[in-house]
């Protein structure tokens, strides 16, 4: 199906769907590559696929961020053979809390908080979600909270790096004609 110039809404909707599919594909690729990298602790990752969740949030809003985040977790677990494993539940819980925190802070803070700040908040939420899931599902002992400060520190540092990379990507995408609307003034969206 082709869109004519008269079907501007259809064109925008189709373009949004195509880019969200691309964001999910890139997030899945980053997720798969990141699982191959050696880490000191099996569930300790940089979370580079979150770059695409941030891009979706800033370009298309909260619903798009949920789509990218949950699709990455679900499809990533399915592709890597980890669906419904303990790691899947850790990732899902972390993604839910992180995405919710990022969306709320993006709505509340608006332009006062950059993608770096939103990403750091999301990373802290992800760390909290993973510790909560680990406490409930894997290590049913209160001692798990002793690793939380170190885990939180690593998560926030990784979130800052991810946010910085997302900010760079967003700058480039905002300049691309595919991401401009007819009423776009070309200014920075955040």
N, C-alpha and C. Protein backbone atom coordinates (compact mmCIF):
# COMPACT_ATOMS: atom_id res chain seq x y z
N UNK A 1 0.84 -1.17 0.00
CA UNK A 1 0.00 0.00 0.00
C UNK A 1 0.89 1.24 0.00
N UNK A 2 0.57 2.15 -0.85
CA UNK A 2 1.31 3.40 -0.90
C UNK A 2 0.46 4.52 -0.31
N UNK A 3 1.13 5.51 0.20
CA UNK A 3 0.44 6.65 0.80
C UNK A 3 0.62 7.86 -0.10
N UNK A 4 -0.45 8.57 -0.32
CA UNK A 4 -0.36 9.80 -1.10
C UNK A 4 -0.10 10.96 -0.15
N UNK A 5 0.14 12.10 -0.72
CA UNK A 5 0.39 13.29 0.09
C UNK A 5 -0.84 13.66 0.92
N UNK A 6 -2.00 13.22 0.48
CA UNK A 6 -3.24 13.52 1.20
C UNK A 6 -3.33 12.69 2.48
N UNK A 7 -2.73 11.53 2.49
CA UNK A 7 -2.79 10.63 3.64
C UNK A 7 -1.64 10.88 4.61
N UNK A 8 -1.48 12.11 5.04
CA UNK A 8 -0.35 12.47 5.92
C UNK A 8 -0.39 11.70 7.23
N UNK A 9 -1.58 11.52 7.79
CA UNK A 9 -1.69 10.79 9.06
C UNK A 9 -1.28 9.33 8.89
N UNK A 10 -1.71 8.73 7.79
CA UNK A 10 -1.33 7.34 7.52
C UNK A 10 0.18 7.22 7.34
N UNK A 11 0.75 8.17 6.64
CA UNK A 11 2.19 8.15 6.42
C UNK A 11 2.95 8.27 7.74
N UNK A 12 2.51 9.16 8.60
CA UNK A 12 3.16 9.33 9.91
C UNK A 12 3.01 8.06 10.74
N UNK A 13 1.83 7.47 10.73
CA UNK A 13 1.59 6.24 11.49
C UNK A 13 2.44 5.08 10.95
N UNK A 14 2.51 4.96 9.64
CA UNK A 14 3.31 3.89 9.02
C UNK A 14 4.80 4.10 9.31
N UNK A 15 5.24 5.34 9.21
CA UNK A 15 6.64 5.65 9.49
C UNK A 15 6.98 5.31 10.95
N UNK A 16 6.07 5.64 11.86
CA UNK A 16 6.26 5.34 13.28
C UNK A 16 6.38 3.83 13.49
N UNK A 17 5.52 3.06 12.87
CA UNK A 17 5.57 1.60 13.01
C UNK A 17 6.87 1.02 12.47
N UNK A 18 7.31 1.53 11.33
CA UNK A 18 8.56 1.05 10.75
C UNK A 18 9.73 1.36 11.67
N UNK A 19 9.78 2.59 12.19
CA UNK A 19 10.90 2.95 13.05
C UNK A 19 10.86 2.20 14.38
N UNK A 20 9.67 1.97 14.93
CA UNK A 20 9.59 1.18 16.16
C UNK A 20 10.07 -0.25 15.91
N UNK A 21 9.73 -0.82 14.77
CA UNK A 21 10.23 -2.16 14.43
C UNK A 21 11.75 -2.15 14.31
N UNK A 22 12.29 -1.11 13.71
CA UNK A 22 13.76 -0.98 13.62
C UNK A 22 14.39 -0.81 15.00
N UNK A 23 13.77 0.00 15.84
CA UNK A 23 14.28 0.19 17.20
C UNK A 23 14.30 -1.14 17.95
N UNK A 24 13.24 -1.92 17.81
CA UNK A 24 13.19 -3.23 18.48
C UNK A 24 14.28 -4.15 17.93
N UNK A 25 14.46 -4.16 16.61
CA UNK A 25 15.49 -5.00 16.00
C UNK A 25 16.89 -4.61 16.47
N UNK A 26 17.15 -3.31 16.53
CA UNK A 26 18.47 -2.85 17.00
C UNK A 26 18.64 -3.18 18.49
N UNK A 27 17.60 -2.99 19.28
CA UNK A 27 17.66 -3.31 20.71
C UNK A 27 17.92 -4.81 20.91
N UNK A 28 17.26 -5.65 20.13
CA UNK A 28 17.49 -7.10 20.23
C UNK A 28 18.92 -7.46 19.85
N UNK A 29 19.42 -6.83 18.81
CA UNK A 29 20.80 -7.10 18.39
C UNK A 29 21.79 -6.69 19.49
N UNK A 30 21.60 -5.50 20.05
CA UNK A 30 22.48 -5.04 21.13
C UNK A 30 22.38 -5.97 22.34
N UNK A 31 21.17 -6.39 22.65
CA UNK A 31 20.94 -7.30 23.78
C UNK A 31 21.67 -8.62 23.56
N UNK A 32 21.56 -9.17 22.36
CA UNK A 32 22.21 -10.45 22.05
C UNK A 32 23.73 -10.32 22.10
N UNK A 33 24.26 -9.25 21.55
CA UNK A 33 25.72 -9.03 21.57
C UNK A 33 26.20 -8.85 23.00
N UNK A 34 25.43 -8.11 23.78
CA UNK A 34 25.84 -7.85 25.17
C UNK A 34 25.86 -9.13 26.01
N UNK A 35 25.00 -10.09 25.71
CA UNK A 35 25.02 -11.35 26.46
C UNK A 35 26.26 -12.18 26.15
N UNK A 36 26.90 -11.91 25.03
CA UNK A 36 28.12 -12.64 24.66
C UNK A 36 29.37 -12.08 25.33
N UNK A 37 29.28 -10.85 25.81
CA UNK A 37 30.44 -10.21 26.43
C UNK A 37 30.65 -10.75 27.85
N UNK A 38 31.90 -10.97 28.23
CA UNK A 38 32.16 -11.47 29.59
C UNK A 38 31.87 -10.39 30.64
N UNK A 39 31.29 -10.82 31.76
CA UNK A 39 31.00 -9.91 32.87
C UNK A 39 31.40 -10.57 34.17
N UNK A 40 31.68 -9.78 35.21
CA UNK A 40 32.05 -10.36 36.49
C UNK A 40 30.90 -11.11 37.16
N UNK A 41 29.68 -10.68 36.91
CA UNK A 41 28.48 -11.33 37.45
C UNK A 41 27.55 -11.57 36.27
N UNK A 42 26.94 -12.75 36.15
CA UNK A 42 26.15 -13.08 34.96
C UNK A 42 25.06 -12.08 34.60
N UNK A 43 24.40 -11.47 35.56
CA UNK A 43 23.29 -10.57 35.25
C UNK A 43 23.69 -9.10 35.25
N UNK A 44 24.98 -8.83 35.29
CA UNK A 44 25.48 -7.45 35.32
C UNK A 44 25.85 -7.03 33.90
N UNK A 45 25.04 -6.18 33.29
CA UNK A 45 25.25 -5.73 31.92
C UNK A 45 25.16 -4.19 31.86
N UNK A 46 25.68 -3.63 30.78
CA UNK A 46 25.59 -2.18 30.59
C UNK A 46 24.19 -1.73 30.20
N UNK A 47 23.43 -2.56 29.57
CA UNK A 47 22.08 -2.20 29.16
C UNK A 47 22.04 -1.28 27.96
N UNK A 48 22.91 -1.54 27.00
CA UNK A 48 22.99 -0.67 25.82
C UNK A 48 21.71 -0.70 24.98
N UNK A 49 20.94 -1.76 25.07
CA UNK A 49 19.68 -1.81 24.31
C UNK A 49 18.69 -0.76 24.82
N UNK A 50 18.92 -0.25 26.01
CA UNK A 50 18.06 0.81 26.55
C UNK A 50 18.18 2.10 25.74
N UNK A 51 19.23 2.23 24.95
CA UNK A 51 19.37 3.39 24.06
C UNK A 51 18.15 3.50 23.16
N UNK A 52 17.69 2.36 22.67
CA UNK A 52 16.55 2.35 21.76
C UNK A 52 15.24 2.64 22.49
N UNK A 53 15.15 2.21 23.75
CA UNK A 53 13.96 2.54 24.55
C UNK A 53 13.90 4.05 24.77
N UNK A 54 15.05 4.65 25.08
CA UNK A 54 15.09 6.11 25.26
C UNK A 54 14.75 6.84 23.96
N UNK A 55 15.26 6.34 22.85
CA UNK A 55 14.95 6.97 21.56
C UNK A 55 13.45 6.91 21.30
N UNK A 56 12.84 5.76 21.57
CA UNK A 56 11.39 5.63 21.38
C UNK A 56 10.63 6.57 22.31
N UNK A 57 11.08 6.68 23.55
CA UNK A 57 10.42 7.58 24.51
C UNK A 57 10.47 9.02 24.04
N UNK A 58 11.64 9.48 23.63
CA UNK A 58 11.79 10.88 23.24
C UNK A 58 11.16 11.20 21.89
N UNK A 59 11.16 10.23 20.98
CA UNK A 59 10.62 10.50 19.65
C UNK A 59 9.13 10.23 19.54
N UNK A 60 8.63 9.20 20.27
CA UNK A 60 7.25 8.77 20.08
C UNK A 60 6.41 8.69 21.35
N UNK A 61 7.02 8.82 22.51
CA UNK A 61 6.24 8.83 23.75
C UNK A 61 6.31 7.53 24.54
N UNK A 62 5.55 7.53 25.64
CA UNK A 62 5.59 6.42 26.59
C UNK A 62 5.15 5.09 26.04
N UNK A 63 4.09 5.07 25.26
CA UNK A 63 3.60 3.81 24.70
C UNK A 63 4.67 3.15 23.83
N UNK A 64 5.38 3.94 23.06
CA UNK A 64 6.45 3.41 22.21
C UNK A 64 7.60 2.87 23.06
N UNK A 65 7.91 3.56 24.15
CA UNK A 65 8.96 3.07 25.05
C UNK A 65 8.58 1.71 25.64
N UNK A 66 7.31 1.57 26.06
CA UNK A 66 6.84 0.27 26.56
C UNK A 66 6.98 -0.81 25.49
N UNK A 67 6.62 -0.48 24.26
CA UNK A 67 6.68 -1.44 23.16
C UNK A 67 8.11 -1.93 22.96
N UNK A 68 9.05 -1.02 22.86
CA UNK A 68 10.45 -1.40 22.63
C UNK A 68 11.00 -2.18 23.82
N UNK A 69 10.75 -1.70 25.01
CA UNK A 69 11.30 -2.34 26.21
C UNK A 69 10.76 -3.75 26.40
N UNK A 70 9.45 -3.92 26.36
CA UNK A 70 8.87 -5.25 26.59
C UNK A 70 9.13 -6.20 25.43
N UNK A 71 9.15 -5.68 24.21
CA UNK A 71 9.48 -6.54 23.07
C UNK A 71 10.91 -7.03 23.15
N UNK A 72 11.81 -6.15 23.57
CA UNK A 72 13.21 -6.57 23.70
C UNK A 72 13.37 -7.67 24.73
N UNK A 73 12.72 -7.52 25.87
CA UNK A 73 12.83 -8.54 26.92
C UNK A 73 12.21 -9.85 26.46
N UNK A 74 10.99 -9.78 25.94
CA UNK A 74 10.29 -11.00 25.54
C UNK A 74 10.94 -11.70 24.36
N UNK A 75 11.19 -10.96 23.29
CA UNK A 75 11.81 -11.56 22.11
C UNK A 75 13.26 -11.97 22.38
N UNK A 76 13.97 -11.18 23.17
CA UNK A 76 15.35 -11.52 23.52
C UNK A 76 15.42 -12.83 24.29
N UNK A 77 14.51 -13.01 25.24
CA UNK A 77 14.48 -14.26 26.01
C UNK A 77 14.09 -15.42 25.11
N UNK A 78 13.16 -15.20 24.21
CA UNK A 78 12.73 -16.24 23.29
C UNK A 78 13.87 -16.64 22.34
N UNK A 79 14.55 -15.66 21.77
CA UNK A 79 15.64 -15.94 20.83
C UNK A 79 16.85 -16.59 21.50
N UNK A 80 17.11 -16.22 22.75
CA UNK A 80 18.27 -16.75 23.45
C UNK A 80 17.94 -18.01 24.25
N UNK A 81 16.70 -18.46 24.18
CA UNK A 81 16.31 -19.69 24.88
C UNK A 81 16.19 -19.52 26.38
N UNK A 82 15.81 -18.33 26.82
CA UNK A 82 15.72 -18.06 28.25
C UNK A 82 14.32 -17.65 28.71
N UNK A 83 13.33 -17.92 27.87
CA UNK A 83 11.97 -17.54 28.20
C UNK A 83 11.50 -18.27 29.45
N UNK A 84 10.98 -17.53 30.41
CA UNK A 84 10.48 -18.00 31.70
C UNK A 84 11.57 -18.56 32.62
N UNK A 85 12.83 -18.31 32.31
CA UNK A 85 13.92 -18.68 33.22
C UNK A 85 14.02 -17.62 34.31
N UNK A 86 14.78 -17.88 35.37
CA UNK A 86 14.95 -16.84 36.40
C UNK A 86 15.50 -15.53 35.82
N UNK A 87 16.42 -15.63 34.85
CA UNK A 87 16.97 -14.43 34.23
C UNK A 87 15.92 -13.63 33.49
N UNK A 88 14.96 -14.33 32.88
CA UNK A 88 13.86 -13.64 32.20
C UNK A 88 13.05 -12.83 33.18
N UNK A 89 12.72 -13.41 34.34
CA UNK A 89 11.91 -12.69 35.33
C UNK A 89 12.67 -11.51 35.92
N UNK A 90 13.99 -11.67 36.10
CA UNK A 90 14.81 -10.54 36.57
C UNK A 90 14.77 -9.41 35.55
N UNK A 91 14.98 -9.76 34.27
CA UNK A 91 15.00 -8.75 33.21
C UNK A 91 13.63 -8.09 33.06
N UNK A 92 12.58 -8.89 33.11
CA UNK A 92 11.23 -8.34 32.94
C UNK A 92 10.87 -7.39 34.07
N UNK A 93 11.14 -7.80 35.30
CA UNK A 93 10.84 -6.93 36.44
C UNK A 93 11.65 -5.65 36.37
N UNK A 94 12.93 -5.78 36.06
CA UNK A 94 13.77 -4.59 35.92
C UNK A 94 13.29 -3.68 34.81
N UNK A 95 12.90 -4.26 33.67
CA UNK A 95 12.43 -3.45 32.54
C UNK A 95 11.13 -2.74 32.87
N UNK A 96 10.24 -3.40 33.57
CA UNK A 96 8.95 -2.77 33.92
C UNK A 96 9.17 -1.57 34.83
N UNK A 97 9.97 -1.76 35.87
CA UNK A 97 10.20 -0.65 36.80
C UNK A 97 11.01 0.47 36.14
N UNK A 98 12.02 0.09 35.35
CA UNK A 98 12.84 1.09 34.67
C UNK A 98 12.03 1.91 33.67
N UNK A 99 11.23 1.23 32.86
CA UNK A 99 10.45 1.94 31.84
C UNK A 99 9.41 2.85 32.50
N UNK A 100 8.76 2.34 33.54
CA UNK A 100 7.78 3.17 34.25
C UNK A 100 8.45 4.40 34.84
N UNK A 101 9.61 4.23 35.46
CA UNK A 101 10.32 5.36 36.06
C UNK A 101 10.75 6.38 35.01
N UNK A 102 11.23 5.89 33.86
CA UNK A 102 11.67 6.81 32.82
C UNK A 102 10.50 7.60 32.24
N UNK A 103 9.37 6.93 32.03
CA UNK A 103 8.20 7.62 31.48
C UNK A 103 7.68 8.67 32.45
N UNK A 104 7.57 8.29 33.73
CA UNK A 104 7.08 9.24 34.73
C UNK A 104 8.02 10.45 34.83
N UNK A 105 9.32 10.20 34.91
CA UNK A 105 10.26 11.32 35.03
C UNK A 105 10.29 12.18 33.77
N UNK A 106 10.12 11.56 32.62
CA UNK A 106 10.09 12.33 31.37
C UNK A 106 8.87 13.24 31.35
N UNK A 107 7.75 12.75 31.83
CA UNK A 107 6.52 13.57 31.87
C UNK A 107 6.62 14.65 32.93
N UNK A 108 7.18 14.32 34.09
CA UNK A 108 7.25 15.28 35.19
C UNK A 108 8.32 16.33 34.94
N UNK A 109 9.51 15.90 34.56
CA UNK A 109 10.63 16.83 34.40
C UNK A 109 10.65 17.51 33.04
N UNK A 110 10.09 16.85 32.05
CA UNK A 110 10.07 17.45 30.71
C UNK A 110 11.45 17.77 30.20
N UNK A 111 11.63 18.99 29.78
CA UNK A 111 12.91 19.41 29.19
C UNK A 111 13.99 19.71 30.24
N UNK A 112 13.62 19.71 31.50
CA UNK A 112 14.60 20.01 32.56
C UNK A 112 15.55 18.84 32.80
N UNK A 113 15.20 17.66 32.34
CA UNK A 113 16.04 16.48 32.55
C UNK A 113 16.39 15.88 31.19
N UNK A 114 17.67 15.75 30.94
CA UNK A 114 18.15 15.25 29.64
C UNK A 114 18.00 13.74 29.57
N UNK A 115 18.26 13.15 28.40
CA UNK A 115 18.24 11.69 28.30
C UNK A 115 19.24 11.02 29.25
N UNK A 116 20.31 11.71 29.59
CA UNK A 116 21.29 11.15 30.53
C UNK A 116 20.64 10.97 31.91
N UNK A 117 19.94 11.98 32.38
CA UNK A 117 19.26 11.90 33.67
C UNK A 117 18.14 10.86 33.67
N UNK A 118 17.35 10.85 32.59
CA UNK A 118 16.26 9.88 32.48
C UNK A 118 16.82 8.46 32.47
N UNK A 119 17.91 8.26 31.76
CA UNK A 119 18.54 6.95 31.68
C UNK A 119 19.09 6.50 33.03
N UNK A 120 19.71 7.43 33.76
CA UNK A 120 20.24 7.09 35.09
C UNK A 120 19.11 6.68 36.02
N UNK A 121 17.98 7.37 35.95
CA UNK A 121 16.82 7.01 36.77
C UNK A 121 16.28 5.65 36.36
N UNK A 122 16.21 5.41 35.06
CA UNK A 122 15.78 4.11 34.58
C UNK A 122 16.71 2.99 35.01
N UNK A 123 18.00 3.25 34.99
CA UNK A 123 18.97 2.24 35.42
C UNK A 123 18.82 1.93 36.91
N UNK A 124 18.57 2.96 37.70
CA UNK A 124 18.34 2.73 39.13
C UNK A 124 17.06 1.91 39.34
N UNK A 125 16.02 2.20 38.57
CA UNK A 125 14.79 1.43 38.64
C UNK A 125 15.00 -0.01 38.21
N UNK A 126 15.81 -0.21 37.19
CA UNK A 126 16.12 -1.57 36.73
C UNK A 126 16.85 -2.35 37.82
N UNK A 127 17.80 -1.71 38.47
CA UNK A 127 18.53 -2.37 39.56
C UNK A 127 17.59 -2.75 40.70
N UNK A 128 16.72 -1.84 41.06
CA UNK A 128 15.74 -2.11 42.11
C UNK A 128 14.83 -3.27 41.71
N UNK A 129 14.34 -3.25 40.48
CA UNK A 129 13.48 -4.33 40.00
C UNK A 129 14.16 -5.68 40.01
N UNK A 130 15.42 -5.71 39.60
CA UNK A 130 16.14 -6.98 39.59
C UNK A 130 16.37 -7.51 41.01
N UNK A 131 16.72 -6.63 41.92
CA UNK A 131 16.93 -7.06 43.31
C UNK A 131 15.62 -7.56 43.91
N UNK A 132 14.52 -6.85 43.64
CA UNK A 132 13.22 -7.30 44.15
C UNK A 132 12.86 -8.67 43.59
N UNK A 133 13.05 -8.86 42.29
CA UNK A 133 12.73 -10.16 41.68
C UNK A 133 13.65 -11.25 42.22
N UNK A 134 14.93 -10.93 42.39
CA UNK A 134 15.86 -11.92 42.94
C UNK A 134 15.47 -12.29 44.36
N UNK A 135 15.05 -11.30 45.13
CA UNK A 135 14.63 -11.55 46.52
C UNK A 135 13.40 -12.44 46.58
N UNK A 136 12.45 -12.22 45.69
CA UNK A 136 11.22 -12.98 45.70
C UNK A 136 11.34 -14.36 45.05
N UNK A 137 12.18 -14.48 44.02
CA UNK A 137 12.21 -15.72 43.23
C UNK A 137 13.43 -16.61 43.45
N UNK A 138 14.57 -16.01 43.74
CA UNK A 138 15.81 -16.80 43.73
C UNK A 138 16.43 -16.91 45.12
N UNK A 139 16.77 -15.78 45.70
CA UNK A 139 17.45 -15.75 46.99
C UNK A 139 16.47 -15.20 48.01
N UNK A 140 15.77 -16.05 48.64
CA UNK A 140 14.72 -15.62 49.57
C UNK A 140 15.29 -15.36 50.96
N UNK A 141 16.23 -14.44 50.97
CA UNK A 141 16.89 -14.04 52.21
C UNK A 141 17.17 -12.55 52.16
N UNK A 142 17.00 -11.88 53.25
CA UNK A 142 17.17 -10.42 53.30
C UNK A 142 18.60 -9.97 53.00
N UNK A 143 19.56 -10.88 53.07
CA UNK A 143 20.95 -10.52 52.82
C UNK A 143 21.19 -10.04 51.39
N UNK A 144 20.28 -10.33 50.50
CA UNK A 144 20.45 -9.88 49.11
C UNK A 144 20.52 -8.36 49.03
N UNK A 145 19.89 -7.67 49.97
CA UNK A 145 19.90 -6.21 49.95
C UNK A 145 21.28 -5.64 50.23
N UNK A 146 22.21 -6.47 50.72
CA UNK A 146 23.57 -5.99 50.99
C UNK A 146 24.33 -5.68 49.70
N UNK A 147 23.97 -6.33 48.60
CA UNK A 147 24.66 -6.03 47.34
C UNK A 147 24.01 -4.87 46.59
N UNK A 148 22.85 -4.43 47.05
CA UNK A 148 22.12 -3.39 46.33
C UNK A 148 22.91 -2.09 46.15
N UNK A 149 23.61 -1.56 47.17
CA UNK A 149 24.34 -0.30 46.95
C UNK A 149 25.39 -0.40 45.83
N UNK A 150 26.13 -1.48 45.80
CA UNK A 150 27.14 -1.65 44.75
C UNK A 150 26.47 -1.84 43.39
N UNK A 151 25.42 -2.64 43.36
CA UNK A 151 24.67 -2.87 42.14
C UNK A 151 24.05 -1.57 41.63
N UNK A 152 23.51 -0.77 42.53
CA UNK A 152 22.91 0.51 42.17
C UNK A 152 23.96 1.46 41.61
N UNK A 153 25.13 1.50 42.22
CA UNK A 153 26.21 2.36 41.72
C UNK A 153 26.59 1.98 40.29
N UNK A 154 26.80 0.68 40.05
CA UNK A 154 27.14 0.23 38.71
C UNK A 154 26.03 0.58 37.73
N UNK A 155 24.79 0.36 38.14
CA UNK A 155 23.64 0.62 37.26
C UNK A 155 23.56 2.10 36.88
N UNK A 156 23.75 2.98 37.83
CA UNK A 156 23.65 4.41 37.55
C UNK A 156 24.79 4.86 36.62
N UNK A 157 25.99 4.35 36.84
CA UNK A 157 27.11 4.69 35.94
C UNK A 157 26.82 4.17 34.54
N UNK A 158 26.33 2.94 34.43
CA UNK A 158 25.96 2.39 33.12
C UNK A 158 24.82 3.18 32.51
N UNK A 159 23.87 3.63 33.33
CA UNK A 159 22.76 4.43 32.84
C UNK A 159 23.21 5.77 32.31
N UNK A 160 24.19 6.37 32.94
CA UNK A 160 24.75 7.64 32.45
C UNK A 160 25.40 7.44 31.09
N UNK A 161 26.18 6.37 30.94
CA UNK A 161 26.81 6.07 29.66
C UNK A 161 25.74 5.82 28.59
N UNK A 162 24.74 5.03 28.91
CA UNK A 162 23.67 4.73 27.96
C UNK A 162 22.91 6.00 27.59
N UNK A 163 22.63 6.84 28.57
CA UNK A 163 21.93 8.10 28.30
C UNK A 163 22.74 9.03 27.42
N UNK A 164 24.04 9.07 27.63
CA UNK A 164 24.91 9.90 26.81
C UNK A 164 24.90 9.42 25.36
N UNK A 165 24.97 8.09 25.17
CA UNK A 165 24.90 7.54 23.82
C UNK A 165 23.53 7.79 23.19
N UNK A 166 22.47 7.67 23.98
CA UNK A 166 21.12 7.93 23.47
C UNK A 166 20.96 9.39 23.08
N UNK A 167 21.52 10.30 23.86
CA UNK A 167 21.44 11.73 23.53
C UNK A 167 22.11 12.00 22.20
N UNK A 168 23.26 11.37 21.96
CA UNK A 168 23.94 11.53 20.67
C UNK A 168 23.12 10.98 19.52
N UNK A 169 22.52 9.82 19.73
CA UNK A 169 21.66 9.24 18.69
C UNK A 169 20.45 10.14 18.42
N UNK A 170 19.83 10.63 19.48
CA UNK A 170 18.66 11.49 19.33
C UNK A 170 18.98 12.78 18.57
N UNK A 171 20.15 13.34 18.82
CA UNK A 171 20.56 14.54 18.08
C UNK A 171 20.63 14.27 16.59
N UNK A 172 21.21 13.13 16.25
CA UNK A 172 21.32 12.77 14.83
C UNK A 172 19.94 12.46 14.22
N UNK A 173 19.12 11.74 14.95
CA UNK A 173 17.80 11.40 14.43
C UNK A 173 16.93 12.62 14.26
N UNK A 174 17.01 13.56 15.18
CA UNK A 174 16.19 14.78 15.10
C UNK A 174 16.53 15.60 13.86
N UNK A 175 17.75 15.49 13.37
CA UNK A 175 18.14 16.24 12.18
C UNK A 175 17.71 15.54 10.90
N UNK A 176 17.38 14.26 11.00
CA UNK A 176 17.00 13.49 9.81
C UNK A 176 15.57 13.86 9.40
N UNK A 177 15.33 14.04 8.11
CA UNK A 177 13.99 14.44 7.64
C UNK A 177 12.87 13.45 8.02
N UNK A 178 13.18 12.19 8.20
CA UNK A 178 12.16 11.20 8.52
C UNK A 178 11.54 11.42 9.90
N UNK A 179 12.23 12.13 10.77
CA UNK A 179 11.74 12.37 12.12
C UNK A 179 11.17 13.77 12.31
N UNK A 180 11.05 14.51 11.26
CA UNK A 180 10.48 15.86 11.34
C UNK A 180 9.02 15.82 10.94
N UNK A 181 8.24 16.57 11.65
CA UNK A 181 6.84 16.72 11.30
C UNK A 181 6.68 18.01 10.50
N UNK A 182 5.57 18.18 9.79
CA UNK A 182 5.39 19.40 9.00
C UNK A 182 5.48 20.69 9.82
N UNK A 183 5.10 20.63 11.10
CA UNK A 183 5.15 21.83 11.93
C UNK A 183 6.42 21.92 12.76
N UNK A 184 7.40 21.06 12.48
CA UNK A 184 8.64 21.01 13.26
C UNK A 184 9.51 22.23 12.94
N UNK A 185 9.98 22.86 13.98
CA UNK A 185 10.83 24.04 13.82
C UNK A 185 12.31 23.67 13.79
N UNK A 186 12.60 22.40 14.01
CA UNK A 186 13.98 21.95 13.98
C UNK A 186 14.70 22.13 15.30
N UNK A 187 14.00 22.53 16.35
CA UNK A 187 14.62 22.73 17.66
C UNK A 187 14.83 21.43 18.39
N UNK A 188 15.54 21.50 19.45
CA UNK A 188 15.82 20.33 20.28
C UNK A 188 14.57 19.93 21.05
N UNK A 189 14.11 18.66 20.94
CA UNK A 189 12.87 18.27 21.60
C UNK A 189 12.96 18.15 23.11
N UNK A 190 14.14 18.13 23.64
CA UNK A 190 14.24 18.03 25.09
C UNK A 190 15.02 19.19 25.60
